[in-house]
Amino acid sequence: NGTLFNSQNITPIIEKVNNIDISLD
């Protein structure tokens, strides 16, 4: 849902995933 990214997790995440799909509606 894209609300829980923070300074601790955002870099490790984007280093390992290819795509991010955020539900916005």
PDB file of all heavy atoms in Angstrom:
ATOM      1  N   ASN A   1       0.823  -1.218   0.000  1.00  0.00           N
ATOM      2  CA  ASN A   1       0.000   0.000   0.000  1.00  0.00           C
ATOM      3  C   ASN A   1       0.853   1.263   0.000  1.00  0.00           C
ATOM      4  O   ASN A   1       0.329   2.379  -0.060  1.00  0.00           O
ATOM      5  CB  ASN A   1      -1.000   0.003   1.158  1.00  0.00           C
ATOM      6  CG  ASN A   1      -0.349  -0.018   2.526  1.00  0.00           C
ATOM      7  OD1 ASN A   1       0.681   0.602   2.767  1.00  0.00           O
ATOM      8  ND2 ASN A   1      -0.969  -0.750   3.465  1.00  0.00           N
ATOM      9  N   GLY A   2       2.164   1.095   0.093  1.00  0.00           N
ATOM     10  CA  GLY A   2       3.086   2.210  -0.095  1.00  0.00           C
ATOM     11  C   GLY A   2       3.213   3.175   1.066  1.00  0.00           C
ATOM     12  O   GLY A   2       3.865   4.218   0.938  1.00  0.00           O
ATOM     13  N   THR A   3       2.645   2.833   2.221  1.00  0.00           N
ATOM     14  CA  THR A   3       2.667   3.772   3.349  1.00  0.00           C
ATOM     15  C   THR A   3       3.781   3.512   4.345  1.00  0.00           C
ATOM     16  O   THR A   3       4.060   4.361   5.191  1.00  0.00           O
ATOM     17  CB  THR A   3       1.324   3.734   4.112  1.00  0.00           C
ATOM     18  OG1 THR A   3       1.139   2.434   4.683  1.00  0.00           O
ATOM     19  CG2 THR A   3       0.158   4.067   3.181  1.00  0.00           C
ATOM     20  N   LEU A   4       4.418   2.341   4.271  1.00  0.00           N
ATOM     21  CA  LEU A   4       5.348   1.944   5.323  1.00  0.00           C
ATOM     22  C   LEU A   4       6.816   1.988   4.912  1.00  0.00           C
ATOM     23  O   LEU A   4       7.676   1.462   5.630  1.00  0.00           O
ATOM     24  CB  LEU A   4       4.996   0.530   5.833  1.00  0.00           C
ATOM     25  CG  LEU A   4       3.619   0.399   6.486  1.00  0.00           C
ATOM     26  CD1 LEU A   4       3.392  -1.026   6.978  1.00  0.00           C
ATOM     27  CD2 LEU A   4       3.469   1.386   7.639  1.00  0.00           C
ATOM     28  N   PHE A   5       7.128   2.599   3.792  1.00  0.00           N
ATOM     29  CA  PHE A   5       8.535   2.811   3.464  1.00  0.00           C
ATOM     30  C   PHE A   5       9.135   3.811   4.443  1.00  0.00           C
ATOM     31  O   PHE A   5       8.499   4.795   4.834  1.00  0.00           O
ATOM     32  CB  PHE A   5       8.686   3.353   2.042  1.00  0.00           C
ATOM     33  CG  PHE A   5       8.343   2.369   0.969  1.00  0.00           C
ATOM     34  CD1 PHE A   5       7.231   2.571   0.163  1.00  0.00           C
ATOM     35  CD2 PHE A   5       9.122   1.251   0.750  1.00  0.00           C
ATOM     36  CE1 PHE A   5       6.905   1.676  -0.846  1.00  0.00           C
ATOM     37  CE2 PHE A   5       8.808   0.336  -0.241  1.00  0.00           C
ATOM     38  CZ  PHE A   5       7.692   0.559  -1.040  1.00  0.00           C
ATOM     39  N   ASN A   6      10.378   3.545   4.854  1.00  0.00           N
ATOM     40  CA  ASN A   6      11.069   4.465   5.759  1.00  0.00           C
ATOM     41  C   ASN A   6      12.565   4.439   5.456  1.00  0.00           C
ATOM     42  O   ASN A   6      13.026   3.695   4.581  1.00  0.00           O
ATOM     43  CB  ASN A   6      10.784   4.115   7.223  1.00  0.00           C
ATOM     44  CG  ASN A   6      11.146   2.678   7.560  1.00  0.00           C
ATOM     45  OD1 ASN A   6      12.245   2.216   7.244  1.00  0.00           O
ATOM     46  ND2 ASN A   6      10.227   1.960   8.207  1.00  0.00           N
ATOM     47  N   SER A   7      13.313   5.234   6.180  1.00  0.00           N
ATOM     48  CA  SER A   7      14.746   5.371   5.907  1.00  0.00           C
ATOM     49  C   SER A   7      15.510   4.077   6.150  1.00  0.00           C
ATOM     50  O   SER A   7      16.578   3.857   5.586  1.00  0.00           O
ATOM     51  CB  SER A   7      15.337   6.495   6.764  1.00  0.00           C
ATOM     52  OG  SER A   7      15.118   6.238   8.152  1.00  0.00           O
ATOM     53  N   GLN A   8      14.948   3.189   6.999  1.00  0.00           N
ATOM     54  CA  GLN A   8      15.630   1.931   7.293  1.00  0.00           C
ATOM     55  C   GLN A   8      15.382   0.852   6.236  1.00  0.00           C
ATOM     56  O   GLN A   8      16.245   0.018   5.973  1.00  0.00           O
ATOM     57  CB  GLN A   8      15.193   1.385   8.669  1.00  0.00           C
ATOM     58  CG  GLN A   8      15.792   2.100   9.870  1.00  0.00           C
ATOM     59  CD  GLN A   8      15.152   3.465  10.087  1.00  0.00           C
ATOM     60  OE1 GLN A   8      13.926   3.595  10.033  1.00  0.00           O
ATOM     61  NE2 GLN A   8      15.966   4.484  10.337  1.00  0.00           N
ATOM     62  N   ASN A   9      14.188   0.846   5.645  1.00  0.00           N
ATOM     63  CA  ASN A   9      13.877  -0.282   4.753  1.00  0.00           C
ATOM     64  C   ASN A   9      13.927   0.046   3.265  1.00  0.00           C
ATOM     65  O   ASN A   9      14.022  -0.862   2.434  1.00  0.00           O
ATOM     66  CB  ASN A   9      12.508  -0.874   5.102  1.00  0.00           C
ATOM     67  CG  ASN A   9      11.335   0.070   4.839  1.00  0.00           C
ATOM     68  OD1 ASN A   9      11.401   0.968   4.021  1.00  0.00           O
ATOM     69  ND2 ASN A   9      10.231  -0.158   5.552  1.00  0.00           N
ATOM     70  N   ILE A  10      13.873   1.309   2.900  1.00  0.00           N
ATOM     71  CA  ILE A  10      13.679   1.630   1.491  1.00  0.00           C
ATOM     72  C   ILE A  10      14.869   1.229   0.617  1.00  0.00           C
ATOM     73  O   ILE A  10      14.684   0.666  -0.478  1.00  0.00           O
ATOM     74  CB  ILE A  10      13.329   3.130   1.318  1.00  0.00           C
ATOM     75  CG1 ILE A  10      12.717   3.373  -0.066  1.00  0.00           C
ATOM     76  CG2 ILE A  10      14.543   4.026   1.550  1.00  0.00           C
ATOM     77  CD1 ILE A  10      12.007   4.706  -0.188  1.00  0.00           C
ATOM     78  N   THR A  11      16.101   1.448   1.095  1.00  0.00           N
ATOM     79  CA  THR A  11      17.269   1.080   0.285  1.00  0.00           C
ATOM     80  C   THR A  11      17.431  -0.427   0.164  1.00  0.00           C
ATOM     81  O   THR A  11      17.625  -0.938  -0.956  1.00  0.00           O
ATOM     82  CB  THR A  11      18.547   1.716   0.854  1.00  0.00           C
ATOM     83  OG1 THR A  11      18.427   3.147   0.790  1.00  0.00           O
ATOM     84  CG2 THR A  11      19.767   1.283   0.053  1.00  0.00           C
ATOM     85  N   PRO A  12      17.355  -1.214   1.273  1.00  0.00           N
ATOM     86  CA  PRO A  12      17.436  -2.673   1.116  1.00  0.00           C
ATOM     87  C   PRO A  12      16.363  -3.246   0.204  1.00  0.00           C
ATOM     88  O   PRO A  12      16.596  -4.242  -0.484  1.00  0.00           O
ATOM     89  CB  PRO A  12      17.262  -3.187   2.550  1.00  0.00           C
ATOM     90  CG  PRO A  12      17.654  -2.052   3.426  1.00  0.00           C
ATOM     91  CD  PRO A  12      17.256  -0.813   2.688  1.00  0.00           C
ATOM     92  N   ILE A  13      15.185  -2.627   0.187  1.00  0.00           N
ATOM     93  CA  ILE A  13      14.100  -3.119  -0.666  1.00  0.00           C
ATOM     94  C   ILE A  13      14.417  -2.884  -2.132  1.00  0.00           C
ATOM     95  O   ILE A  13      14.365  -3.808  -2.954  1.00  0.00           O
ATOM     96  CB  ILE A  13      12.758  -2.464  -0.283  1.00  0.00           C
ATOM     97  CG1 ILE A  13      12.267  -3.024   1.049  1.00  0.00           C
ATOM     98  CG2 ILE A  13      11.706  -2.708  -1.369  1.00  0.00           C
ATOM     99  CD1 ILE A  13      11.047  -2.315   1.600  1.00  0.00           C
ATOM    100  N   ILE A  14      14.768  -1.647  -2.487  1.00  0.00           N
ATOM    101  CA  ILE A  14      14.968  -1.348  -3.912  1.00  0.00           C
ATOM    102  C   ILE A  14      16.227  -2.000  -4.463  1.00  0.00           C
ATOM    103  O   ILE A  14      16.377  -2.126  -5.677  1.00  0.00           O
ATOM    104  CB  ILE A  14      14.985   0.172  -4.181  1.00  0.00           C
ATOM    105  CG1 ILE A  14      16.161   0.843  -3.468  1.00  0.00           C
ATOM    106  CG2 ILE A  14      13.663   0.794  -3.772  1.00  0.00           C
ATOM    107  CD1 ILE A  14      16.262   2.345  -3.770  1.00  0.00           C
ATOM    108  N   GLU A  15      17.118  -2.449  -3.587  1.00  0.00           N
ATOM    109  CA  GLU A  15      18.300  -3.185  -4.040  1.00  0.00           C
ATOM    110  C   GLU A  15      17.946  -4.609  -4.455  1.00  0.00           C
ATOM    111  O   GLU A  15      18.704  -5.251  -5.186  1.00  0.00           O
ATOM    112  CB  GLU A  15      19.352  -3.227  -2.932  1.00  0.00           C
ATOM    113  CG  GLU A  15      20.059  -1.898  -2.693  1.00  0.00           C
ATOM    114  CD  GLU A  15      21.027  -1.952  -1.528  1.00  0.00           C
ATOM    115  OE1 GLU A  15      20.957  -2.918  -0.728  1.00  0.00           O
ATOM    116  OE2 GLU A  15      21.852  -1.020  -1.403  1.00  0.00           O
ATOM    117  N   LYS A  16      16.780  -5.112  -4.002  1.00  0.00           N
ATOM    118  CA  LYS A  16      16.463  -6.531  -4.213  1.00  0.00           C
ATOM    119  C   LYS A  16      15.227  -6.782  -5.062  1.00  0.00           C
ATOM    120  O   LYS A  16      15.060  -7.895  -5.571  1.00  0.00           O
ATOM    121  CB  LYS A  16      16.305  -7.228  -2.853  1.00  0.00           C
ATOM    122  CG  LYS A  16      17.589  -7.239  -2.031  1.00  0.00           C
ATOM    123  CD  LYS A  16      17.368  -7.861  -0.663  1.00  0.00           C
ATOM    124  CE  LYS A  16      18.671  -7.892   0.132  1.00  0.00           C
ATOM    125  NZ  LYS A  16      19.142  -6.515   0.460  1.00  0.00           N
ATOM    126  N   VAL A  17      14.339  -5.799  -5.200  1.00  0.00           N
ATOM    127  CA  VAL A  17      13.140  -6.026  -6.000  1.00  0.00           C
ATOM    128  C   VAL A  17      13.286  -5.387  -7.377  1.00  0.00           C
ATOM    129  O   VAL A  17      14.065  -4.449  -7.568  1.00  0.00           O
ATOM    130  CB  VAL A  17      11.865  -5.481  -5.304  1.00  0.00           C
ATOM    131  CG1 VAL A  17      11.715  -6.075  -3.910  1.00  0.00           C
ATOM    132  CG2 VAL A  17      11.866  -3.952  -5.262  1.00  0.00           C
ATOM    133  N   ASN A  18      12.520  -5.919  -8.327  1.00  0.00           N
ATOM    134  CA  ASN A  18      12.541  -5.378  -9.686  1.00  0.00           C
ATOM    135  C   ASN A  18      11.404  -4.401  -9.935  1.00  0.00           C
ATOM    136  O   ASN A  18      11.535  -3.478 -10.740  1.00  0.00           O
ATOM    137  CB  ASN A  18      12.452  -6.514 -10.703  1.00  0.00           C
ATOM    138  CG  ASN A  18      13.580  -7.507 -10.567  1.00  0.00           C
ATOM    139  OD1 ASN A  18      13.463  -8.490  -9.830  1.00  0.00           O
ATOM    140  ND2 ASN A  18      14.673  -7.257 -11.261  1.00  0.00           N
ATOM    141  N   ASN A  19      10.278  -4.641  -9.257  1.00  0.00           N
ATOM    142  CA  ASN A  19       9.103  -3.796  -9.445  1.00  0.00           C
ATOM    143  C   ASN A  19       8.401  -3.576  -8.108  1.00  0.00           C
ATOM    144  O   ASN A  19       8.411  -4.459  -7.240  1.00  0.00           O
ATOM    145  CB  ASN A  19       8.109  -4.443 -10.422  1.00  0.00           C
ATOM    146  CG  ASN A  19       8.714  -4.751 -11.768  1.00  0.00           C
ATOM    147  OD1 ASN A  19       8.869  -3.879 -12.603  1.00  0.00           O
ATOM    148  ND2 ASN A  19       9.070  -6.012 -11.963  1.00  0.00           N
ATOM    149  N   ILE A  20       7.790  -2.422  -7.975  1.00  0.00           N
ATOM    150  CA  ILE A  20       6.947  -2.132  -6.812  1.00  0.00           C
ATOM    151  C   ILE A  20       5.571  -1.729  -7.328  1.00  0.00           C
ATOM    152  O   ILE A  20       5.445  -0.795  -8.124  1.00  0.00           O
ATOM    153  CB  ILE A  20       7.540  -1.013  -5.937  1.00  0.00           C
ATOM    154  CG1 ILE A  20       8.881  -1.458  -5.336  1.00  0.00           C
ATOM    155  CG2 ILE A  20       6.563  -0.633  -4.821  1.00  0.00           C
ATOM    156  CD1 ILE A  20       9.587  -0.373  -4.531  1.00  0.00           C
ATOM    157  N   ASP A  21       4.563  -2.466  -6.886  1.00  0.00           N
ATOM    158  CA  ASP A  21       3.182  -2.194  -7.284  1.00  0.00           C
ATOM    159  C   ASP A  21       2.445  -1.644  -6.066  1.00  0.00           C
ATOM    160  O   ASP A  21       2.267  -2.340  -5.066  1.00  0.00           O
ATOM    161  CB  ASP A  21       2.525  -3.483  -7.782  1.00  0.00           C
ATOM    162  CG  ASP A  21       1.074  -3.291  -8.193  1.00  0.00           C
ATOM    163  OD1 ASP A  21       0.604  -2.134  -8.192  1.00  0.00           O
ATOM    164  OD2 ASP A  21       0.406  -4.292  -8.504  1.00  0.00           O
ATOM    165  N   ILE A  22       2.035  -0.387  -6.143  1.00  0.00           N
ATOM    166  CA  ILE A  22       1.391   0.287  -5.017  1.00  0.00           C
ATOM    167  C   ILE A  22      -0.104   0.419  -5.275  1.00  0.00           C
ATOM    168  O   ILE A  22      -0.529   0.967  -6.294  1.00  0.00           O
ATOM    169  CB  ILE A  22       2.003   1.686  -4.788  1.00  0.00           C
ATOM    170  CG1 ILE A  22       3.501   1.557  -4.466  1.00  0.00           C
ATOM    171  CG2 ILE A  22       1.282   2.410  -3.653  1.00  0.00           C
ATOM    172  CD1 ILE A  22       4.221   2.898  -4.345  1.00  0.00           C
ATOM    173  N   SER A  23      -0.900  -0.101  -4.362  1.00  0.00           N
ATOM    174  CA  SER A  23      -2.356   0.024  -4.465  1.00  0.00           C
ATOM    175  C   SER A  23      -2.769   1.401  -3.963  1.00  0.00           C
ATOM    176  O   SER A  23      -2.471   1.768  -2.825  1.00  0.00           O
ATOM    177  CB  SER A  23      -3.032  -1.066  -3.634  1.00  0.00           C
ATOM    178  OG  SER A  23      -2.627  -2.351  -4.057  1.00  0.00           O
ATOM    179  N   LEU A  24      -3.476   2.156  -4.813  1.00  0.00           N
ATOM    180  CA  LEU A  24      -3.846   3.523  -4.454  1.00  0.00           C
ATOM    181  C   LEU A  24      -5.360   3.746  -4.489  1.00  0.00           C
ATOM    182  O   LEU A  24      -5.919   4.403  -3.617  1.00  0.00           O
ATOM    183  CB  LEU A  24      -3.153   4.514  -5.388  1.00  0.00           C
ATOM    184  CG  LEU A  24      -3.208   5.980  -4.984  1.00  0.00           C
ATOM    185  CD1 LEU A  24      -2.566   6.210  -3.621  1.00  0.00           C
ATOM    186  CD2 LEU A  24      -2.527   6.853  -6.035  1.00  0.00           C
ATOM    187  N   ASP A  25      -6.019   3.244  -5.528  1.00  0.00           N
ATOM    188  CA  ASP A  25      -7.488   3.265  -5.621  1.00  0.00           C
ATOM    189  C   ASP A  25      -8.083   4.668  -5.617  1.00  0.00           C
ATOM    190  O   ASP A  25      -9.174   4.890  -5.079  1.00  0.00           O
ATOM    191  CB  ASP A  25      -8.114   2.428  -4.495  1.00  0.00           C
ATOM    192  CG  ASP A  25      -7.684   0.976  -4.562  1.00  0.00           C
ATOM    193  OD1 ASP A  25      -7.741   0.407  -5.661  1.00  0.00           O
ATOM    194  OD2 ASP A  25      -7.262   0.422  -3.535  1.00  0.00           O
TER     195      ASP A  25
END
